[in-house]
């Protein structure tokens, strides 16, 4: 397993906006997965909180309450398995909508994991790469 040191991206001379701890963990996880050549993308559900009109537009376009933060294409020995990652800080708890989404995933046999660090994602990746 490669050693990975989380780093925030370098910015211009302007002071970057402060990221929440969960946002920093998510950014670190994305960078780690990129170094491992694992495709993932974010699900920016929090963008809907700006206005009621924007939220309704996003819902009409497919935004779903409780959807996990990242969609990951986990590599396995027999191909790709699509899964979801919900990022939380050490004290973070899932919302009711997130628990419902997790339940829906599990009932459909779709991978869903709550993680709190890059190290937990490293372990998941190791497990997926070994699965048959």
Protein backbone atom coordinates (compact mmCIF):
# COMPACT_ATOMS: atom_id res chain seq x y z
CA UNK A 1 0.00 0.00 0.00
CA UNK A 2 1.38 3.42 -0.96
CA UNK A 3 2.00 5.98 1.75
CA UNK A 4 -0.46 8.82 1.34
CA UNK A 5 -0.17 12.18 3.01
CA UNK A 6 -3.32 14.31 2.85
CA UNK A 7 -2.76 17.83 1.54
CA UNK A 8 -5.02 20.73 0.80
CA UNK A 9 -4.70 22.09 -2.74
CA UNK A 10 -2.47 25.10 -3.25
CA UNK A 11 -4.36 28.26 -4.04
CA UNK A 12 -3.65 31.72 -5.39
CA UNK A 13 -2.62 34.55 -3.10
CA UNK A 14 -6.22 34.89 -1.94
CA UNK A 15 -7.10 33.21 1.34
CA UNK A 16 -9.06 30.06 0.49
CA UNK A 17 -12.48 29.60 2.08
CA UNK A 18 -12.40 27.44 5.19
CA UNK A 19 -13.55 23.91 4.56
CA UNK A 20 -15.50 21.99 7.15
CA UNK A 21 -13.73 18.97 8.61
CA UNK A 22 -15.98 16.65 6.60
CA UNK A 23 -15.20 18.59 3.41
CA UNK A 24 -11.45 18.28 4.11
CA UNK A 25 -11.82 14.53 4.75
CA UNK A 26 -13.77 14.20 1.50
CA UNK A 27 -11.12 16.16 -0.44
CA UNK A 28 -8.38 13.93 1.03
CA UNK A 29 -10.35 10.78 0.15
CA UNK A 30 -10.86 11.97 -3.43
CA UNK A 31 -7.16 12.76 -3.82
CA UNK A 32 -6.22 9.36 -2.39
CA UNK A 33 -8.59 7.51 -4.73
CA UNK A 34 -7.18 9.50 -7.66
CA UNK A 35 -3.64 8.39 -6.74
CA UNK A 36 -4.92 4.81 -6.79
CA UNK A 37 -6.62 5.36 -10.17
CA UNK A 38 -10.05 4.69 -8.67
CA UNK A 39 -12.82 6.71 -10.31
CA UNK A 40 -15.16 8.60 -8.00
CA UNK A 41 -17.38 11.64 -8.16
CA UNK A 42 -19.18 13.79 -5.67
CA UNK A 43 -22.91 14.16 -5.15
CA UNK A 44 -23.27 17.83 -4.17
CA UNK A 45 -26.62 17.57 -2.38
CA UNK A 46 -25.65 20.43 -0.07
CA UNK A 47 -25.91 22.78 -3.07
CA UNK A 48 -29.68 22.58 -2.74
CA UNK A 49 -29.69 24.44 0.57
CA UNK A 50 -29.25 27.84 -1.02
CA UNK A 51 -32.89 28.63 -1.82
CA UNK A 52 -36.22 26.86 -2.04
CA UNK A 53 -36.37 27.50 -5.80
CA UNK A 54 -32.88 26.08 -6.36
CA UNK A 55 -33.69 23.07 -4.19
CA UNK A 56 -36.86 22.33 -6.17
CA UNK A 57 -34.92 22.65 -9.45
CA UNK A 58 -32.26 20.23 -8.24
CA UNK A 59 -34.87 17.75 -6.96
CA UNK A 60 -36.59 17.86 -10.36
CA UNK A 61 -33.17 17.12 -11.92
CA UNK A 62 -32.63 14.03 -9.74
CA UNK A 63 -31.15 15.24 -6.45
CA UNK A 64 -32.18 12.86 -3.67
CA UNK A 65 -32.20 13.68 0.04
CA UNK A 66 -29.72 11.56 1.97
CA UNK A 67 -27.68 10.48 -1.05
CA UNK A 68 -24.09 9.74 -0.02
CA UNK A 69 -21.22 12.17 -0.62
CA UNK A 70 -19.27 10.10 -3.17
CA UNK A 71 -20.00 7.51 -5.81
CA UNK A 72 -16.99 5.18 -6.14
CA UNK A 73 -16.14 2.64 -8.83
CA UNK A 74 -14.44 0.03 -6.63
CA UNK A 75 -12.04 -2.24 -8.54
CA UNK A 76 -12.51 -5.95 -7.84
CA UNK A 77 -10.77 -8.97 -9.36
CA UNK A 78 -13.79 -9.52 -11.63
CA UNK A 79 -14.59 -5.91 -12.58
CA UNK A 80 -16.01 -2.74 -11.13
CA UNK A 81 -18.49 -2.54 -8.27
CA UNK A 82 -20.30 0.76 -7.88
CA UNK A 83 -20.71 1.96 -4.31
CA UNK A 84 -21.38 4.96 -2.14
CA UNK A 85 -19.27 6.62 0.54
CA UNK A 86 -20.72 8.87 3.22
CA UNK A 87 -18.01 11.02 4.82
CA UNK A 88 -18.30 11.99 8.47
CA UNK A 89 -15.98 13.52 11.01
CA UNK A 90 -15.23 11.54 14.17
CA UNK A 91 -18.40 12.73 15.91
CA UNK A 92 -20.61 13.06 12.83
CA UNK A 93 -23.86 11.12 12.63
CA UNK A 94 -26.03 10.30 9.66
CA UNK A 95 -29.22 12.24 9.20
CA UNK A 96 -32.53 10.39 9.03
CA UNK A 97 -32.50 10.82 5.22
CA UNK A 98 -28.97 9.37 5.03
CA UNK A 99 -29.99 6.33 7.09
CA UNK A 100 -32.95 5.79 4.75
CA UNK A 101 -30.64 6.03 1.73
CA UNK A 102 -28.23 3.53 3.31
CA UNK A 103 -31.14 1.14 3.97
CA UNK A 104 -32.27 1.44 0.36
CA UNK A 105 -28.73 0.68 -0.84
CA UNK A 106 -28.36 -2.34 1.42
CA UNK A 107 -31.75 -3.73 0.39
CA UNK A 108 -30.64 -3.47 -3.25
CA UNK A 109 -27.22 -5.04 -2.44
CA UNK A 110 -25.45 -1.79 -3.35
CA UNK A 111 -22.23 -1.04 -1.50
CA UNK A 112 -22.56 1.76 1.08
CA UNK A 113 -19.98 2.72 3.70
CA UNK A 114 -19.65 5.49 6.24
CA UNK A 115 -16.00 6.50 6.57
CA UNK A 116 -14.18 8.99 8.76
CA UNK A 117 -10.66 8.94 7.34
CA UNK A 118 -8.46 8.16 4.36
CA UNK A 119 -7.16 5.16 6.32
CA UNK A 120 -10.64 3.63 6.39
CA UNK A 121 -10.91 4.11 2.62
CA UNK A 122 -7.48 2.50 2.16
CA UNK A 123 -8.77 -0.57 4.03
CA UNK A 124 -11.97 -0.66 1.94
CA UNK A 125 -9.93 -0.47 -1.26
CA UNK A 126 -7.72 -3.31 -0.08
CA UNK A 127 -10.81 -5.40 0.64
CA UNK A 128 -12.45 -4.64 -2.71
CA UNK A 129 -9.28 -5.45 -4.64
CA UNK A 130 -9.21 -8.85 -2.93
CA UNK A 131 -12.92 -9.70 -3.43
CA UNK A 132 -14.11 -12.22 -5.94
